[in-house]
């Protein structure tokens, strides 16, 4: 449909049009998630789908919508650097909204949630397009939006300690992954969003310190190893991701108004890790 059609939908307060089947409208909005024009992608497709999910328009169709978004995570993943990143990134964001709606109202069963989680985690670890703001095309931000979706997934009552532990490892693997040559660093809030997702997992109060301490030490170990690079080799690209994540996690734990039960002990673990990874900078 023309831009004027969707602009009228926006002007009508995002009321669902009655002149076309919901399925046709959804298919068109889904295609628009991959549009390089941020006006069509962000200001129409994302805004509309998010509003309709939150209003319950898709409550009876949420499984199908989430399945479609899960498929969108695979579009062009083998070819980073193309406009397909917008489809993947926006699919992750819409899937996060589907998960939040499902968590709040018990709309999706465990097998489907686990399937979405498997697809989401697989994509996030495979994603190699680390661009944030793409000139003239708006936000790609795949890692940040993937982190948001992992956080939403972690809020599902269908996930127990074992599944949350897997998600913790997915987040750590994403932080420590070596970017492809030419890809930018994660310096546009991605590490903070990964830390926020971690906090969402911790708020389930199912993960003991015996799991969390070695997990933190794994990230800290990568930072320490990076700073021990041979002379002439720049250690900071690898160090910055691990170190930046630990700092972001400390901020989340220290300042959150909804702390997990393990906060007091975990803060001590993170502080000890930061001492080790920042020893060269402590006066």
Protein backbone atom coordinates (compact mmCIF):
# COMPACT_ATOMS: atom_id res chain seq x y z
CA UNK A 1 0.00 0.00 0.00
CA UNK A 2 1.06 3.59 -0.49
CA UNK A 3 2.68 5.66 2.21
CA UNK A 4 -0.50 7.73 2.41
CA UNK A 5 -2.46 4.62 3.45
CA UNK A 6 -0.18 3.94 6.40
CA UNK A 7 0.06 7.62 7.29
CA UNK A 8 -3.70 7.58 7.62
CA UNK A 9 -3.46 4.56 9.92
CA UNK A 10 -1.03 6.53 12.07
CA UNK A 11 -3.33 9.57 12.00
CA UNK A 12 -6.21 7.33 13.15
CA UNK A 13 -4.28 6.35 16.28
CA UNK A 14 -3.09 3.03 14.84
CA UNK A 15 -6.60 1.62 14.80
CA UNK A 16 -6.59 -1.63 12.80
CA UNK A 17 -8.03 -0.88 9.33
CA UNK A 18 -11.16 -2.81 8.41
CA UNK A 19 -10.77 -2.61 4.64
CA UNK A 20 -8.10 -5.34 4.47
CA UNK A 21 -7.54 -8.67 6.25
CA UNK A 22 -5.21 -8.50 9.23
CA UNK A 23 -3.02 -11.16 7.65
CA UNK A 24 -2.43 -9.04 4.57
CA UNK A 25 -1.63 -5.98 6.69
CA UNK A 26 0.79 -8.00 8.81
CA UNK A 27 2.56 -9.45 5.77
CA UNK A 28 3.08 -5.98 4.37
CA UNK A 29 4.34 -4.60 7.68
CA UNK A 30 6.71 -7.55 7.99
CA UNK A 31 8.21 -6.83 4.58
CA UNK A 32 8.60 -3.19 5.59
CA UNK A 33 10.78 -4.26 8.53
CA UNK A 34 13.56 -4.75 5.99
CA UNK A 35 13.04 -1.43 4.22
CA UNK A 36 16.18 0.75 4.16
CA UNK A 37 13.93 3.81 4.49
CA UNK A 38 13.72 4.49 8.26
CA UNK A 39 10.42 6.30 7.76
CA UNK A 40 8.71 3.16 6.46
CA UNK A 41 10.64 0.73 8.64
CA UNK A 42 10.77 2.45 12.04
CA UNK A 43 8.00 5.03 11.95
CA UNK A 44 5.41 2.80 10.31
CA UNK A 45 6.19 -0.92 10.48
CA UNK A 46 7.87 -1.13 13.90
CA UNK A 47 5.54 1.37 15.49
CA UNK A 48 2.42 -0.32 14.16
CA UNK A 49 3.38 -3.90 14.94
CA UNK A 50 4.52 -2.96 18.44
CA UNK A 51 1.30 -1.07 19.17
CA UNK A 52 -0.90 -3.87 17.89
CA UNK A 53 0.97 -6.46 19.96
CA UNK A 54 0.65 -4.35 23.09
CA UNK A 55 -3.07 -3.78 22.46
CA UNK A 56 -3.74 -7.51 22.11
CA UNK A 57 -4.58 -7.43 18.41
CA UNK A 58 -2.40 -10.51 17.87
CA UNK A 59 -3.24 -12.39 21.04
CA UNK A 60 -4.89 -15.25 19.12
CA UNK A 61 -2.20 -15.12 16.44
CA UNK A 62 0.88 -14.53 18.55
CA UNK A 63 2.49 -17.89 17.78
CA UNK A 64 2.29 -17.27 14.06
CA UNK A 65 3.61 -13.73 14.39
CA UNK A 66 6.52 -14.83 16.56
CA UNK A 67 7.32 -17.66 14.15
CA UNK A 68 7.45 -15.13 11.32
CA UNK A 69 9.79 -12.90 13.27
CA UNK A 70 11.99 -15.90 14.09
CA UNK A 71 12.28 -16.63 10.39
CA UNK A 72 13.21 -13.00 9.79
CA UNK A 73 16.30 -13.47 11.94
CA UNK A 74 17.78 -15.67 9.20
CA UNK A 75 17.38 -13.23 6.30
CA UNK A 76 20.81 -12.44 4.87
CA UNK A 77 22.71 -13.47 8.00
CA UNK A 78 25.46 -15.00 5.88
CA UNK A 79 26.12 -11.69 4.10
CA UNK A 80 26.84 -8.95 6.66
CA UNK A 81 27.01 -5.39 5.37
CA UNK A 82 23.78 -5.44 3.37
CA UNK A 83 20.39 -3.87 4.07
CA UNK A 84 19.13 -7.28 5.23
CA UNK A 85 20.46 -6.38 8.68
CA UNK A 86 17.40 -4.18 9.16
CA UNK A 87 15.06 -7.13 8.69
CA UNK A 88 17.00 -9.20 11.20
CA UNK A 89 17.33 -6.40 13.72
CA UNK A 90 13.69 -5.34 13.54
CA UNK A 91 12.53 -8.96 13.67
CA UNK A 92 14.43 -9.34 16.95
CA UNK A 93 12.76 -6.23 18.34
CA UNK A 94 9.27 -7.39 17.38
CA UNK A 95 9.99 -10.86 18.73
CA UNK A 96 10.93 -9.22 22.04
CA UNK A 97 7.50 -7.56 22.14
CA UNK A 98 5.86 -10.93 21.36
CA UNK A 99 7.75 -12.52 24.24
CA UNK A 100 6.78 -9.76 26.65
CA UNK A 101 3.13 -10.10 25.69
CA UNK A 102 3.32 -13.88 26.03
CA UNK A 103 5.01 -13.62 29.43
CA UNK A 104 2.44 -11.18 30.77
CA UNK A 105 -0.65 -13.08 29.63
CA UNK A 106 0.40 -16.72 29.31
CA UNK A 107 -0.38 -16.82 25.61
CA UNK A 108 2.36 -19.13 24.31
CA UNK A 109 3.29 -22.64 25.41
CA UNK A 110 6.70 -23.87 26.46
CA UNK A 111 7.63 -25.69 23.20
CA UNK A 112 7.11 -22.53 21.17
CA UNK A 113 8.98 -20.33 23.64
CA UNK A 114 11.92 -22.74 23.62
CA UNK A 115 11.88 -22.83 19.82
CA UNK A 116 11.90 -19.03 19.61
CA UNK A 117 14.71 -18.96 22.14
CA UNK A 118 16.80 -21.43 20.19
CA UNK A 119 16.39 -19.45 16.97
CA UNK A 120 17.12 -16.19 18.73
CA UNK A 121 20.27 -17.42 20.46
CA UNK A 122 21.54 -19.07 17.28
CA UNK A 123 21.06 -15.86 15.32
CA UNK A 124 22.62 -13.58 17.93
CA UNK A 125 25.80 -15.66 17.97
CA UNK A 126 25.93 -15.82 14.16
CA UNK A 127 25.25 -12.12 13.59
CA UNK A 128 28.35 -10.41 12.20
CA UNK A 129 26.90 -7.06 11.13
CA UNK A 130 27.83 -4.83 14.07
CA UNK A 131 26.80 -1.51 12.52
CA UNK A 132 24.81 0.80 14.77
CA UNK A 133 23.58 3.98 13.07
CA UNK A 134 23.80 3.57 9.30
CA UNK A 135 24.10 6.87 7.49
CA UNK A 136 20.91 7.75 5.65
CA UNK A 137 19.17 4.54 6.72
CA UNK A 138 18.83 4.76 10.49
CA UNK A 139 19.57 2.26 13.22
CA UNK A 140 20.65 -1.29 12.50
CA UNK A 141 21.79 -2.09 16.07
CA UNK A 142 21.37 -5.85 15.67
CA UNK A 143 23.36 -6.82 18.78
CA UNK A 144 21.56 -4.30 21.00
CA UNK A 145 18.13 -5.42 19.83
CA UNK A 146 19.15 -9.05 20.10
CA UNK A 147 20.12 -8.39 23.70
CA UNK A 148 16.69 -6.87 24.32
CA UNK A 149 15.06 -10.01 22.96
CA UNK A 150 17.23 -12.26 25.14
CA UNK A 151 16.19 -10.22 28.17
CA UNK A 152 12.52 -10.62 27.24
CA UNK A 153 13.03 -14.34 26.70
CA UNK A 154 14.61 -14.63 30.13
CA UNK A 155 11.39 -13.31 31.66
CA UNK A 156 9.42 -16.32 30.47
CA UNK A 157 8.10 -18.54 33.27
CA UNK A 158 8.74 -21.47 30.93
CA UNK A 159 12.50 -21.08 31.44
CA UNK A 160 14.19 -22.53 34.47
CA UNK A 161 17.71 -22.31 35.87
CA UNK A 162 19.19 -24.54 33.17
CA UNK A 163 17.80 -22.45 30.32
CA UNK A 164 18.80 -19.18 32.00
CA UNK A 165 22.34 -20.49 32.40
CA UNK A 166 22.46 -21.18 28.67
CA UNK A 167 21.28 -17.63 27.97
CA UNK A 168 24.01 -16.24 30.25
CA UNK A 169 26.56 -18.11 28.17
CA UNK A 170 25.02 -16.77 24.97
CA UNK A 171 25.42 -13.20 26.26
CA UNK A 172 29.03 -13.85 27.27
CA UNK A 173 29.79 -15.48 23.93
CA UNK A 174 28.36 -12.43 22.15
CA UNK A 175 30.50 -10.07 24.23
CA UNK A 176 33.66 -12.08 23.60
CA UNK A 177 33.08 -12.87 19.93
CA UNK A 178 35.79 -11.73 17.53
CA UNK A 179 34.28 -9.31 14.98
CA UNK A 180 34.94 -9.77 11.29
CA UNK A 181 37.61 -7.48 9.84
CA UNK A 182 36.14 -4.08 9.05
CA UNK A 183 33.24 -4.38 11.49
CA UNK A 184 32.92 -1.58 14.06
CA UNK A 185 33.32 -2.12 17.82
CA UNK A 186 30.34 -2.39 20.13
CA UNK A 187 30.46 1.22 21.28
CA UNK A 188 26.90 2.47 20.72
CA UNK A 189 25.25 1.17 23.88
CA UNK A 190 25.34 -2.50 22.90
CA UNK A 191 27.36 -3.51 25.97
CA UNK A 192 24.89 -1.69 28.21
CA UNK A 193 21.97 -3.45 26.54
CA UNK A 194 23.73 -6.80 27.02
CA UNK A 195 24.20 -5.92 30.71
CA UNK A 196 20.52 -4.98 31.02
CA UNK A 197 19.58 -8.34 29.50
CA UNK A 198 21.83 -10.04 32.06
CA UNK A 199 20.06 -8.21 34.87
CA UNK A 200 16.70 -9.39 33.54
CA UNK A 201 17.91 -12.97 33.77
CA UNK A 202 19.21 -12.40 37.29
CA UNK A 203 15.89 -10.99 38.45
CA UNK A 204 14.36 -14.45 38.08
CA UNK A 205 16.38 -15.32 41.22
CA UNK A 206 17.11 -18.80 39.91
CA UNK A 207 20.84 -18.46 39.26
CA UNK A 208 23.14 -19.09 42.25
CA UNK A 209 26.52 -17.49 42.83
CA UNK A 210 28.14 -20.84 42.08
CA UNK A 211 27.01 -20.33 38.46
CA UNK A 212 27.53 -16.58 38.29
CA UNK A 213 31.03 -16.29 39.75
CA UNK A 214 32.76 -18.49 37.15
CA UNK A 215 30.72 -16.79 34.45
CA UNK A 216 31.97 -13.34 35.50
CA UNK A 217 35.51 -14.70 35.79
CA UNK A 218 35.31 -16.04 32.26
CA UNK A 219 34.59 -12.55 30.92
CA UNK A 220 37.27 -11.02 33.14
CA UNK A 221 39.75 -13.65 32.00
CA UNK A 222 39.25 -12.63 28.39
CA UNK A 223 39.98 -9.01 29.29
CA UNK A 224 43.11 -9.97 31.24
CA UNK A 225 44.30 -12.20 28.41
CA UNK A 226 43.81 -9.38 25.90
CA UNK A 227 46.01 -7.01 27.92
CA UNK A 228 48.76 -9.64 27.92
CA UNK A 229 49.02 -9.45 24.12
CA UNK A 230 52.53 -9.54 22.62
CA UNK A 231 54.36 -6.25 22.12
CA UNK A 232 53.25 -4.51 18.96
CA UNK A 233 49.75 -6.00 19.05
CA UNK A 234 46.90 -3.68 20.01
CA UNK A 235 45.11 -5.27 23.00
CA UNK A 236 42.30 -2.73 23.30
CA UNK A 237 39.81 -3.99 20.70
CA UNK A 238 39.44 -7.30 22.56
CA UNK A 239 39.82 -5.75 26.03
CA UNK A 240 37.21 -3.05 25.48
CA UNK A 241 34.30 -5.41 24.89
CA UNK A 242 34.91 -7.60 27.92
CA UNK A 243 35.89 -4.71 30.19
CA UNK A 244 33.08 -2.49 28.96
CA UNK A 245 30.55 -5.21 29.64
CA UNK A 246 31.80 -5.74 33.20
CA UNK A 247 31.57 -2.00 33.88
CA UNK A 248 28.05 -1.89 32.45
CA UNK A 249 27.02 -4.88 34.55
CA UNK A 250 28.40 -3.21 37.68
CA UNK A 251 26.36 -0.07 36.93
CA UNK A 252 23.19 -2.13 36.46
CA UNK A 253 23.69 -4.05 39.69
CA UNK A 254 24.65 -0.98 41.72
CA UNK A 255 21.93 1.36 40.52
CA UNK A 256 18.92 -0.80 39.73
CA UNK A 257 15.75 -0.17 41.72
CA UNK A 258 14.79 -3.84 41.32
CA UNK A 259 17.87 -5.79 42.40
CA UNK A 260 18.13 -9.56 42.19
CA UNK A 261 18.48 -11.45 45.43
CA UNK A 262 22.11 -12.24 44.66
CA UNK A 263 23.12 -8.60 44.15
CA UNK A 264 25.23 -8.06 47.28
CA UNK A 265 27.46 -11.07 46.64
CA UNK A 266 27.58 -10.61 42.88
CA UNK A 267 28.65 -6.97 43.16
CA UNK A 268 31.68 -8.10 45.16
CA UNK A 269 32.53 -10.64 42.45
CA UNK A 270 32.23 -8.03 39.70
CA UNK A 271 34.28 -5.48 41.66
CA UNK A 272 37.03 -8.04 42.18
CA UNK A 273 36.98 -8.79 38.45
CA UNK A 274 37.22 -5.08 37.65
CA UNK A 275 40.22 -4.71 39.95
CA UNK A 276 41.98 -7.45 38.03
CA UNK A 277 41.08 -6.13 34.59
CA UNK A 278 41.94 -2.52 35.49
CA UNK A 279 45.09 -3.07 37.53
CA UNK A 280 47.18 -0.99 35.13
CA UNK A 281 44.87 1.99 35.60
CA UNK A 282 44.41 1.95 39.38
CA UNK A 283 46.48 4.73 40.96
